[in-house]
Amino acid sequence: MPFYDPDQDPAHTLPSVALDEASTLPGKAGVYVFFGDSNLPLYVGKSVSIRTRVRSHIQQPSQGRHRHLMAQTRRVAWLRTSGDLGAQLLEADLIKRWVPLFNRQLRKRVRMISWNWPLDETRPALTDGQWVITARSRFYGLYRNRRDAQMTLKDIAAEERLCLRVLGLEPGSGRCFGYQIGRCAGACCGEESLEAHAERAREAMERLRIENWPWPGRVAFREGDVEGEIGYHVVDHWHYLGSATSLEALPAMPDARGFDIDTYRILNRFMGSLDNTIEAIPIDGDTETV
């Protein structure tokens, strides 16, 4: 399971076979790539058994997009990983880098927006791009645009009788319109303290809170299979940096990817069930950026 640099030319760096030789593919975890004419990546997939998954593509009744995919495929390449976590991380990363023609999901690395509500502030603020993680920061929700973020917070305000003016969603001062019609508990006019209002709002938004990165810096997730093969997947504040076969072999991995919602979701699923097959090994604590 060699380390692979996804910035390299995928057409010339991965082992591959023709579709009629699929029986020779590894029966272990990893990522596979269907290539068409001119070495064009058509589809990237992952599986705990590359051979089994590719065979299912071949045996599946061909219709619609799948029929076009199989008709255009000239060969299938693969890259082994040490398990399902490595395969999922690599699949999501390669799809965004190579944008294969037949992959619909995971293709875009969207610049997400979130509500940032520091513990000593009375209202949240929208933030995007580089999110600075500190002990006082709290991030709530991930949105593709400001409108979606604002509509979500307005819905919560309506459910909990929160003040749109105090939350920064409505201009003006003094009693808001919501208070006059019974939809605001009065934080805008002193009938509810700003502290009590903030506490109620944070509690209502808790279900949206993004988990803070539990470590000070980079972490290598050590993953092993039943045969003892080991891989290390390096992540920094939810940014997947790459994988290697040993800690000593870890290359310098610049963070050129940024925060990715798919990577965040993959890691959250696995971190909820860390066991003797996956171990988190802190590497350093140099960075505070998400």
C-alpha atoms as a PDB file:
ATOM      1  CA  MET A   1       0.000   0.000   0.000  1.00  0.00           C
ATOM      2  CA  PRO A   2       2.368   2.777  -1.156  1.00  0.00           C
ATOM      3  CA  PHE A   3       1.805   6.436  -0.366  1.00  0.00           C
ATOM      4  CA  TYR A   4       0.263   8.215  -3.310  1.00  0.00           C
ATOM      5  CA  ASP A   5       0.438  11.914  -4.140  1.00  0.00           C
ATOM      6  CA  PRO A   6      -2.931  12.798  -5.720  1.00  0.00           C
ATOM      7  CA  ASP A   7      -1.369  15.809  -7.458  1.00  0.00           C
ATOM      8  CA  GLN A   8       0.532  13.407  -9.725  1.00  0.00           C
ATOM      9  CA  ASP A   9      -0.809  12.481 -13.157  1.00  0.00           C
ATOM     10  CA  PRO A  10      -3.417   9.756 -12.438  1.00  0.00           C
ATOM     11  CA  ALA A  11      -3.129   8.263 -15.913  1.00  0.00           C
ATOM     12  CA  HIS A  12       0.497   7.185 -15.509  1.00  0.00           C
ATOM     13  CA  THR A  13       1.035   6.532 -11.786  1.00  0.00           C
ATOM     14  CA  LEU A  14      -1.630   3.972 -10.862  1.00  0.00           C
ATOM     15  CA  PRO A  15      -1.530   0.240 -11.725  1.00  0.00           C
ATOM     16  CA  SER A  16      -4.385  -0.759 -14.015  1.00  0.00           C
ATOM     17  CA  VAL A  17      -5.939  -3.644 -15.984  1.00  0.00           C
ATOM     18  CA  ALA A  18      -8.541  -4.062 -18.701  1.00  0.00           C
ATOM     19  CA  LEU A  19     -12.099  -4.759 -17.550  1.00  0.00           C
ATOM     20  CA  ASP A  20     -11.894  -8.388 -18.713  1.00  0.00           C
ATOM     21  CA  GLU A  21      -9.000  -8.842 -16.258  1.00  0.00           C
ATOM     22  CA  ALA A  22     -11.007  -7.633 -13.234  1.00  0.00           C
ATOM     23  CA  SER A  23     -10.434 -10.976 -11.478  1.00  0.00           C
ATOM     24  CA  THR A  24      -6.797  -9.932 -10.946  1.00  0.00           C
ATOM     25  CA  LEU A  25      -7.742  -6.812  -8.946  1.00  0.00           C
ATOM     26  CA  PRO A  26      -6.956  -6.755  -5.203  1.00  0.00           C
ATOM     27  CA  GLY A  27      -9.638  -8.168  -2.958  1.00  0.00           C
ATOM     28  CA  LYS A  28      -8.840  -5.542  -0.317  1.00  0.00           C
ATOM     29  CA  ALA A  29      -9.830  -1.993   0.610  1.00  0.00           C
ATOM     30  CA  GLY A  30      -9.009   0.885  -1.653  1.00  0.00           C
ATOM     31  CA  VAL A  31     -10.064   3.232  -4.437  1.00  0.00           C
ATOM     32  CA  TYR A  32     -10.630   2.296  -8.079  1.00  0.00           C
ATOM     33  CA  VAL A  33     -10.766   4.537 -11.154  1.00  0.00           C
ATOM     34  CA  PHE A  34     -12.426   3.859 -14.507  1.00  0.00           C
ATOM     35  CA  PHE A  35     -10.433   5.454 -17.352  1.00  0.00           C
ATOM     36  CA  GLY A  36     -11.719   6.195 -20.837  1.00  0.00           C
ATOM     37  CA  ASP A  37     -10.069   7.283 -24.056  1.00  0.00           C
ATOM     38  CA  SER A  38      -7.125   9.671 -23.755  1.00  0.00           C
ATOM     39  CA  ASN A  39      -6.663   8.523 -20.133  1.00  0.00           C
ATOM     40  CA  LEU A  40      -9.691  10.536 -19.016  1.00  0.00           C
ATOM     41  CA  PRO A  41     -10.867   9.673 -15.451  1.00  0.00           C
ATOM     42  CA  LEU A  42     -14.532   8.712 -15.818  1.00  0.00           C
ATOM     43  CA  TYR A  43     -15.432   7.463 -12.359  1.00  0.00           C
ATOM     44  CA  VAL A  44     -13.798   7.137  -8.919  1.00  0.00           C
ATOM     45  CA  GLY A  45     -15.205   4.688  -6.370  1.00  0.00           C
ATOM     46  CA  LYS A  46     -14.147   2.975  -3.142  1.00  0.00           C
ATOM     47  CA  SER A  47     -14.736  -0.371  -1.500  1.00  0.00           C
ATOM     48  CA  VAL A  48     -13.467  -2.696   1.209  1.00  0.00           C
ATOM     49  CA  SER A  49     -12.882  -5.127  -1.700  1.00  0.00           C
ATOM     50  CA  ILE A  50     -11.842  -3.473  -4.951  1.00  0.00           C
ATOM     51  CA  ARG A  51     -12.235  -6.696  -6.950  1.00  0.00           C
ATOM     52  CA  THR A  52     -15.764  -7.395  -5.697  1.00  0.00           C
ATOM     53  CA  ARG A  53     -16.966  -3.855  -6.315  1.00  0.00           C
ATOM     54  CA  VAL A  54     -15.573  -3.614  -9.844  1.00  0.00           C
ATOM     55  CA  ARG A  55     -17.083  -7.016 -10.704  1.00  0.00           C
ATOM     56  CA  SER A  56     -20.459  -5.715  -9.515  1.00  0.00           C
ATOM     57  CA  HIS A  57     -20.109  -2.818 -11.960  1.00  0.00           C
ATOM     58  CA  ILE A  58     -19.416  -5.267 -14.784  1.00  0.00           C
ATOM     59  CA  GLN A  59     -22.271  -7.628 -13.855  1.00  0.00           C
ATOM     60  CA  GLN A  60     -24.819  -4.880 -13.181  1.00  0.00           C
ATOM     61  CA  PRO A  61     -27.461  -4.554 -15.918  1.00  0.00           C
ATOM     62  CA  SER A  62     -26.313  -1.604 -17.999  1.00  0.00           C
ATOM     63  CA  GLN A  63     -28.811   1.177 -18.451  1.00  0.00           C
ATOM     64  CA  GLY A  64     -28.768   4.972 -18.406  1.00  0.00           C
ATOM     65  CA  ARG A  65     -25.580   6.593 -17.112  1.00  0.00           C
ATOM     66  CA  HIS A  66     -24.101   3.265 -16.036  1.00  0.00           C
ATOM     67  CA  ARG A  67     -24.406   1.897 -19.567  1.00  0.00           C
ATOM     68  CA  HIS A  68     -22.566   4.948 -20.925  1.00  0.00           C
ATOM     69  CA  LEU A  69     -19.895   4.610 -18.222  1.00  0.00           C
ATOM     70  CA  MET A  70     -19.159   0.978 -19.021  1.00  0.00           C
ATOM     71  CA  ALA A  71     -19.196   1.609 -22.773  1.00  0.00           C
ATOM     72  CA  GLN A  72     -16.575   4.356 -22.419  1.00  0.00           C
ATOM     73  CA  THR A  73     -14.327   2.551 -19.914  1.00  0.00           C
ATOM     74  CA  ARG A  74     -11.043   1.257 -21.346  1.00  0.00           C
ATOM     75  CA  ARG A  75      -9.294   0.169 -18.152  1.00  0.00           C
ATOM     76  CA  VAL A  76      -9.639   0.254 -14.379  1.00  0.00           C
ATOM     77  CA  ALA A  77      -6.869   1.498 -12.079  1.00  0.00           C
ATOM     78  CA  TRP A  78      -6.638   1.108  -8.322  1.00  0.00           C
ATOM     79  CA  LEU A  79      -4.944   2.379  -5.204  1.00  0.00           C
ATOM     80  CA  ARG A  80      -4.869   0.246  -2.046  1.00  0.00           C
ATOM     81  CA  THR A  81      -5.615   1.688   1.378  1.00  0.00           C
ATOM     82  CA  SER A  82      -5.326   0.166   4.840  1.00  0.00           C
ATOM     83  CA  GLY A  83      -9.083   0.118   5.395  1.00  0.00           C
ATOM     84  CA  ASP A  84     -12.449   1.756   4.909  1.00  0.00           C
ATOM     85  CA  LEU A  85     -11.497   5.105   6.495  1.00  0.00           C
ATOM     86  CA  GLY A  86      -8.548   5.569   4.141  1.00  0.00           C
ATOM     87  CA  ALA A  87     -10.688   4.575   1.162  1.00  0.00           C
ATOM     88  CA  GLN A  88     -13.429   7.068   2.014  1.00  0.00           C
ATOM     89  CA  LEU A  89     -11.005   9.948   2.611  1.00  0.00           C
ATOM     90  CA  LEU A  90      -9.082   9.254  -0.591  1.00  0.00           C
ATOM     91  CA  GLU A  91     -12.217   8.817  -2.692  1.00  0.00           C
ATOM     92  CA  ALA A  92     -13.647  12.176  -1.570  1.00  0.00           C
ATOM     93  CA  ASP A  93     -10.326  13.921  -2.201  1.00  0.00           C
ATOM     94  CA  LEU A  94      -9.663  12.419  -5.641  1.00  0.00           C
ATOM     95  CA  ILE A  95     -13.178  13.140  -6.891  1.00  0.00           C
ATOM     96  CA  LYS A  96     -12.752  16.810  -6.048  1.00  0.00           C
ATOM     97  CA  ARG A  97      -9.295  16.944  -7.629  1.00  0.00           C
ATOM     98  CA  TRP A  98     -10.022  15.066 -10.862  1.00  0.00           C
ATOM     99  CA  VAL A  99     -13.768  15.830 -11.263  1.00  0.00           C
ATOM    100  CA  PRO A 100     -14.567  12.529 -13.066  1.00  0.00           C
ATOM    101  CA  LEU A 101     -17.334  12.742 -15.655  1.00  0.00           C
ATOM    102  CA  PHE A 102     -19.647  10.170 -14.027  1.00  0.00           C
ATOM    103  CA  ASN A 103     -19.301  11.164 -10.362  1.00  0.00           C
ATOM    104  CA  ARG A 104     -22.168  13.343  -9.211  1.00  0.00           C
ATOM    105  CA  GLN A 105     -21.570  13.397  -5.472  1.00  0.00           C
ATOM    106  CA  LEU A 106     -18.488  14.733  -3.657  1.00  0.00           C
ATOM    107  CA  ARG A 107     -17.356  16.690  -6.749  1.00  0.00           C
ATOM    108  CA  LYS A 108     -17.291  20.241  -5.450  1.00  0.00           C
ATOM    109  CA  ARG A 109     -15.092  21.570  -2.659  1.00  0.00           C
ATOM    110  CA  VAL A 110     -17.600  24.177  -1.548  1.00  0.00           C
ATOM    111  CA  ARG A 111     -16.538  27.220   0.462  1.00  0.00           C
ATOM    112  CA  MET A 112     -18.855  26.759   3.423  1.00  0.00           C
ATOM    113  CA  ILE A 113     -20.325  29.448   5.681  1.00  0.00           C
ATOM    114  CA  SER A 114     -21.013  29.035   9.386  1.00  0.00           C
ATOM    115  CA  TRP A 115     -22.379  31.001  12.329  1.00  0.00           C
ATOM    116  CA  ASN A 116     -19.498  31.816  14.691  1.00  0.00           C
ATOM    117  CA  TRP A 117     -20.630  32.700  18.205  1.00  0.00           C
ATOM    118  CA  PRO A 118     -17.713  33.374  20.625  1.00  0.00           C
ATOM    119  CA  LEU A 119     -18.613  32.680  24.228  1.00  0.00           C
ATOM    120  CA  ASP A 120     -18.298  36.328  25.314  1.00  0.00           C
ATOM    121  CA  GLU A 121     -20.501  37.796  22.550  1.00  0.00           C
ATOM    122  CA  THR A 122     -24.257  38.413  22.643  1.00  0.00           C
ATOM    123  CA  ARG A 123     -24.882  37.503  18.991  1.00  0.00           C
ATOM    124  CA  PRO A 124     -23.392  35.246  16.300  1.00  0.00           C
ATOM    125  CA  ALA A 125     -21.673  36.416  13.119  1.00  0.00           C
ATOM    126  CA  LEU A 126     -21.369  34.732   9.743  1.00  0.00           C
ATOM    127  CA  THR A 127     -17.899  33.637   8.727  1.00  0.00           C
ATOM    128  CA  ASP A 128     -16.418  31.811   5.754  1.00  0.00           C
ATOM    129  CA  GLY A 129     -12.986  30.914   4.409  1.00  0.00           C
ATOM    130  CA  GLN A 130     -10.373  30.387   7.121  1.00  0.00           C
ATOM    131  CA  TRP A 131     -12.059  29.745  10.449  1.00  0.00           C
ATOM    132  CA  VAL A 132      -9.905  30.616  13.456  1.00  0.00           C
ATOM    133  CA  ILE A 133     -10.406  28.062  16.210  1.00  0.00           C
ATOM    134  CA  THR A 134      -9.945  29.357  19.758  1.00  0.00           C
ATOM    135  CA  ALA A 135     -11.143  28.204  23.148  1.00  0.00           C
ATOM    136  CA  ARG A 136     -13.947  30.791  23.040  1.00  0.00           C
ATOM    137  CA  SER A 137     -15.212  30.074  19.497  1.00  0.00           C
ATOM    138  CA  ARG A 138     -18.310  28.065  18.648  1.00  0.00           C
ATOM    139  CA  PHE A 139     -19.451  27.289  15.103  1.00  0.00           C
ATOM    140  CA  TYR A 140     -23.046  26.402  14.281  1.00  0.00           C
ATOM    141  CA  GLY A 141     -24.162  24.851  11.009  1.00  0.00           C
ATOM    142  CA  LEU A 142     -22.572  24.609   7.563  1.00  0.00           C
ATOM    143  CA  TYR A 143     -24.227  26.473   4.716  1.00  0.00           C
ATOM    144  CA  ARG A 144     -23.549  27.076   1.029  1.00  0.00           C
ATOM    145  CA  ASN A 145     -24.591  30.733   1.153  1.00  0.00           C
ATOM    146  CA  ARG A 146     -25.532  33.536   3.560  1.00  0.00           C
ATOM    147  CA  ARG A 147     -29.224  33.317   2.721  1.00  0.00           C
ATOM    148  CA  ASP A 148     -29.489  29.694   3.854  1.00  0.00           C
ATOM    149  CA  ALA A 149     -27.632  30.510   7.070  1.00  0.00           C
ATOM    150  CA  GLN A 150     -29.880  33.469   7.847  1.00  0.00           C
ATOM    151  CA  MET A 151     -33.084  31.547   7.069  1.00  0.00           C
ATOM    152  CA  THR A 152     -32.032  28.743   9.421  1.00  0.00           C
ATOM    153  CA  LEU A 153     -31.407  31.188  12.266  1.00  0.00           C
ATOM    154  CA  LYS A 154     -34.719  32.974  11.579  1.00  0.00           C
ATOM    155  CA  ASP A 155     -36.569  29.663  11.822  1.00  0.00           C
ATOM    156  CA  ILE A 156     -34.922  28.937  15.178  1.00  0.00           C
ATOM    157  CA  ALA A 157     -35.790  32.450  16.385  1.00  0.00           C
ATOM    158  CA  ALA A 158     -39.441  31.925  15.457  1.00  0.00           C
ATOM    159  CA  GLU A 159     -39.580  28.603  17.309  1.00  0.00           C
ATOM    160  CA  GLU A 160     -37.946  29.957  20.483  1.00  0.00           C
ATOM    161  CA  ARG A 161     -39.294  33.564  20.553  1.00  0.00           C
ATOM    162  CA  LEU A 162     -35.809  34.965  20.057  1.00  0.00           C
ATOM    163  CA  CYS A 163     -35.267  38.548  19.000  1.00  0.00           C
ATOM    164  CA  LEU A 164     -34.244  39.028  15.356  1.00  0.00           C
ATOM    165  CA  ARG A 165     -32.901  42.497  16.190  1.00  0.00           C
ATOM    166  CA  VAL A 166     -30.654  41.255  18.998  1.00  0.00           C
ATOM    167  CA  LEU A 167     -29.471  38.407  16.768  1.00  0.00           C
ATOM    168  CA  GLY A 168     -28.444  40.958  14.115  1.00  0.00           C
ATOM    169  CA  LEU A 169     -31.011  39.741  11.576  1.00  0.00           C
ATOM    170  CA  GLU A 170     -33.154  42.892  11.685  1.00  0.00           C
ATOM    171  CA  PRO A 171     -32.034  46.552  11.704  1.00  0.00           C
ATOM    172  CA  GLY A 172     -33.150  49.202  14.172  1.00  0.00           C
ATOM    173  CA  SER A 173     -33.219  49.750  17.917  1.00  0.00           C
ATOM    174  CA  GLY A 174     -35.760  49.501  20.702  1.00  0.00           C
ATOM    175  CA  ARG A 175     -38.772  47.233  20.611  1.00  0.00           C
ATOM    176  CA  CYS A 176     -38.817  45.048  17.530  1.00  0.00           C
ATOM    177  CA  PHE A 177     -41.893  44.178  15.510  1.00  0.00           C
ATOM    178  CA  GLY A 178     -41.711  40.584  16.745  1.00  0.00           C
ATOM    179  CA  TYR A 179     -42.150  41.786  20.343  1.00  0.00           C
ATOM    180  CA  GLN A 180     -45.242  43.765  19.410  1.00  0.00           C
ATOM    181  CA  ILE A 181     -46.952  40.657  18.001  1.00  0.00           C
ATOM    182  CA  GLY A 182     -45.746  38.246  20.685  1.00  0.00           C
ATOM    183  CA  ARG A 183     -42.957  36.523  18.729  1.00  0.00           C
ATOM    184  CA  CYS A 184     -40.088  37.973  20.789  1.00  0.00           C
ATOM    185  CA  ALA A 185     -39.611  37.540  24.542  1.00  0.00           C
ATOM    186  CA  GLY A 186     -38.328  41.110  24.912  1.00  0.00           C
ATOM    187  CA  ALA A 187     -34.524  41.030  24.765  1.00  0.00           C
ATOM    188  CA  CYS A 188     -34.739  44.142  22.542  1.00  0.00           C
ATOM    189  CA  CYS A 189     -36.443  46.197  25.243  1.00  0.00           C
ATOM    190  CA  GLY A 190     -35.037  44.856  28.506  1.00  0.00           C
ATOM    191  CA  GLU A 191     -37.814  42.447  29.448  1.00  0.00           C
ATOM    192  CA  GLU A 192     -35.317  39.616  28.917  1.00  0.00           C
ATOM    193  CA  SER A 193     -31.630  40.091  29.678  1.00  0.00           C
ATOM    194  CA  LEU A 194     -29.144  39.773  26.844  1.00  0.00           C
ATOM    195  CA  GLU A 195     -27.407  37.037  28.815  1.00  0.00           C
ATOM    196  CA  ALA A 196     -30.604  34.995  29.172  1.00  0.00           C
ATOM    197  CA  HIS A 197     -31.432  35.552  25.512  1.00  0.00           C
ATOM    198  CA  ALA A 198     -27.965  34.387  24.444  1.00  0.00           C
ATOM    199  CA  GLU A 199     -28.200  31.307  26.654  1.00  0.00           C
ATOM    200  CA  ARG A 200     -31.568  30.320  25.165  1.00  0.00           C
ATOM    201  CA  ALA A 201     -30.328  30.925  21.628  1.00  0.00           C
ATOM    202  CA  ARG A 202     -27.166  28.870  22.115  1.00  0.00           C
ATOM    203  CA  GLU A 203     -29.205  26.022  23.581  1.00  0.00           C
ATOM    204  CA  ALA A 204     -31.561  26.108  20.595  1.00  0.00           C
ATOM    205  CA  MET A 205     -28.626  26.116  18.164  1.00  0.00           C
ATOM    206  CA  GLU A 206     -26.745  23.332  19.941  1.00  0.00           C
ATOM    207  CA  ARG A 207     -28.003  20.690  17.530  1.00  0.00           C
ATOM    208  CA  LEU A 208     -26.185  22.577  14.749  1.00  0.00           C
ATOM    209  CA  ARG A 209     -22.866  22.989  16.548  1.00  0.00           C
ATOM    210  CA  ILE A 210     -19.801  21.863  14.630  1.00  0.00           C
ATOM    211  CA  GLU A 211     -17.496  19.757  16.737  1.00  0.00           C
ATOM    212  CA  ASN A 212     -14.251  21.542  17.525  1.00  0.00           C
ATOM    213  CA  TRP A 213     -11.117  19.681  16.491  1.00  0.00           C
ATOM    214  CA  PRO A 214     -10.241  17.694  19.656  1.00  0.00           C
ATOM    215  CA  TRP A 215      -6.457  18.022  19.248  1.00  0.00           C
ATOM    216  CA  PRO A 216      -4.079  21.035  19.142  1.00  0.00           C
ATOM    217  CA  GLY A 217      -2.762  20.243  15.650  1.00  0.00           C
ATOM    218  CA  ARG A 218      -2.217  17.444  13.146  1.00  0.00           C
ATOM    219  CA  VAL A 219      -3.311  13.898  13.932  1.00  0.00           C
ATOM    220  CA  ALA A 220      -2.398  10.659  12.187  1.00  0.00           C
ATOM    221  CA  PHE A 221      -5.263   8.163  12.210  1.00  0.00           C
ATOM    222  CA  ARG A 222      -3.595   4.765  12.339  1.00  0.00           C
ATOM    223  CA  GLU A 223      -5.706   2.184  10.521  1.00  0.00           C
ATOM    224  CA  GLY A 224      -4.946  -1.515  10.235  1.00  0.00           C
ATOM    225  CA  ASP A 225      -6.615  -4.441   8.517  1.00  0.00           C
ATOM    226  CA  VAL A 226      -6.992  -8.046   9.687  1.00  0.00           C
ATOM    227  CA  GLU A 227      -3.740  -9.005   7.979  1.00  0.00           C
ATOM    228  CA  GLY A 228      -1.725  -6.371   9.841  1.00  0.00           C
ATOM    229  CA  GLU A 229      -1.317  -3.848   7.032  1.00  0.00           C
ATOM    230  CA  ILE A 230      -1.037  -0.333   8.467  1.00  0.00           C
ATOM    231  CA  GLY A 231      -1.753   3.107   7.070  1.00  0.00           C
ATOM    232  CA  TYR A 232      -1.610   6.606   8.596  1.00  0.00           C
ATOM    233  CA  HIS A 233      -4.131   9.228   7.467  1.00  0.00           C
ATOM    234  CA  VAL A 234      -2.998  12.732   8.397  1.00  0.00           C
ATOM    235  CA  VAL A 235      -5.670  15.298   9.263  1.00  0.00           C
ATOM    236  CA  ASP A 236      -5.377  18.841  10.621  1.00  0.00           C
ATOM    237  CA  HIS A 237      -8.545  20.563  11.919  1.00  0.00           C
ATOM    238  CA  TRP A 238     -10.769  18.457   9.651  1.00  0.00           C
ATOM    239  CA  HIS A 239      -8.429  18.974   6.641  1.00  0.00           C
ATOM    240  CA  TYR A 240      -7.284  15.672   5.097  1.00  0.00           C
ATOM    241  CA  LEU A 241      -3.605  16.094   4.168  1.00  0.00           C
ATOM    242  CA  GLY A 242      -2.747  12.630   2.817  1.00  0.00           C
ATOM    243  CA  SER A 243      -1.791   9.095   3.830  1.00  0.00           C
ATOM    244  CA  ALA A 244       1.423   7.109   4.271  1.00  0.00           C
ATOM    245  CA  THR A 245       2.488   3.656   5.408  1.00  0.00           C
ATOM    246  CA  SER A 246       4.474   4.790   8.460  1.00  0.00           C
ATOM    247  CA  LEU A 247       4.930   7.842  10.643  1.00  0.00           C
ATOM    248  CA  GLU A 248       8.578   7.991   9.619  1.00  0.00           C
ATOM    249  CA  ALA A 249       7.584   8.074   5.957  1.00  0.00           C
ATOM    250  CA  LEU A 250       5.148  10.960   6.298  1.00  0.00           C
ATOM    251  CA  PRO A 251       6.058  13.561   3.696  1.00  0.00           C
ATOM    252  CA  ALA A 252       5.644  17.270   4.231  1.00  0.00           C
ATOM    253  CA  MET A 253       1.947  17.628   3.580  1.00  0.00           C
ATOM    254  CA  PRO A 254       0.944  21.221   2.793  1.00  0.00           C
ATOM    255  CA  ASP A 255      -2.702  22.010   3.449  1.00  0.00           C
ATOM    256  CA  ALA A 256      -3.847  22.902  -0.055  1.00  0.00           C
ATOM    257  CA  ARG A 257      -7.350  21.509   0.352  1.00  0.00           C
ATOM    258  CA  GLY A 258      -9.037  23.554   3.074  1.00  0.00           C
ATOM    259  CA  PHE A 259     -12.122  22.598   5.057  1.00  0.00           C
ATOM    260  CA  ASP A 260     -14.304  20.068   3.273  1.00  0.00           C
ATOM    261  CA  ILE A 261     -17.779  19.108   4.481  1.00  0.00           C
ATOM    262  CA  ASP A 262     -17.493  15.553   3.130  1.00  0.00           C
ATOM    263  CA  THR A 263     -14.210  14.959   4.979  1.00  0.00           C
ATOM    264  CA  TYR A 264     -15.755  16.391   8.158  1.00  0.00           C
ATOM    265  CA  ARG A 265     -18.691  13.973   7.909  1.00  0.00           C
ATOM    266  CA  ILE A 266     -16.481  10.960   7.154  1.00  0.00           C
ATOM    267  CA  LEU A 267     -14.205  11.641  10.112  1.00  0.00           C
ATOM    268  CA  ASN A 268     -17.095  12.293  12.477  1.00  0.00           C
ATOM    269  CA  ARG A 269     -18.600   8.906  11.657  1.00  0.00           C
ATOM    270  CA  PHE A 270     -15.347   7.098  12.333  1.00  0.00           C
ATOM    271  CA  MET A 271     -14.325   9.121  15.393  1.00  0.00           C
ATOM    272  CA  GLY A 272     -17.530   8.055  17.093  1.00  0.00           C
ATOM    273  CA  SER A 273     -16.322   4.448  17.044  1.00  0.00           C
ATOM    274  CA  LEU A 274     -12.539   4.503  17.425  1.00  0.00           C
ATOM    275  CA  ASP A 275     -11.390   1.006  18.398  1.00  0.00           C
ATOM    276  CA  ASN A 276      -8.342  -1.222  18.122  1.00  0.00           C
ATOM    277  CA  THR A 277      -8.410  -0.972  14.307  1.00  0.00           C
ATOM    278  CA  ILE A 278      -8.225   2.858  14.222  1.00  0.00           C
ATOM    279  CA  GLU A 279      -6.089   4.901  16.612  1.00  0.00           C
ATOM    280  CA  ALA A 280      -5.629   8.695  16.710  1.00  0.00           C
ATOM    281  CA  ILE A 281      -1.967   9.738  17.150  1.00  0.00           C
ATOM    282  CA  PRO A 282      -1.354  13.486  17.757  1.00  0.00           C
ATOM    283  CA  ILE A 283       1.626  14.770  15.763  1.00  0.00           C
ATOM    284  CA  ASP A 284       1.989  18.417  16.701  1.00  0.00           C
ATOM    285  CA  GLY A 285       0.148  21.526  17.811  1.00  0.00           C
ATOM    286  CA  ASP A 286       1.412  24.147  15.466  1.00  0.00           C
ATOM    287  CA  THR A 287      -1.765  25.462  13.881  1.00  0.00           C
ATOM    288  CA  GLU A 288      -5.060  26.982  14.984  1.00  0.00           C
ATOM    289  CA  THR A 289      -6.751  27.385  11.603  1.00  0.00           C
ATOM    290  CA  VAL A 290      -9.790  25.572  10.264  1.00  0.00           C
END
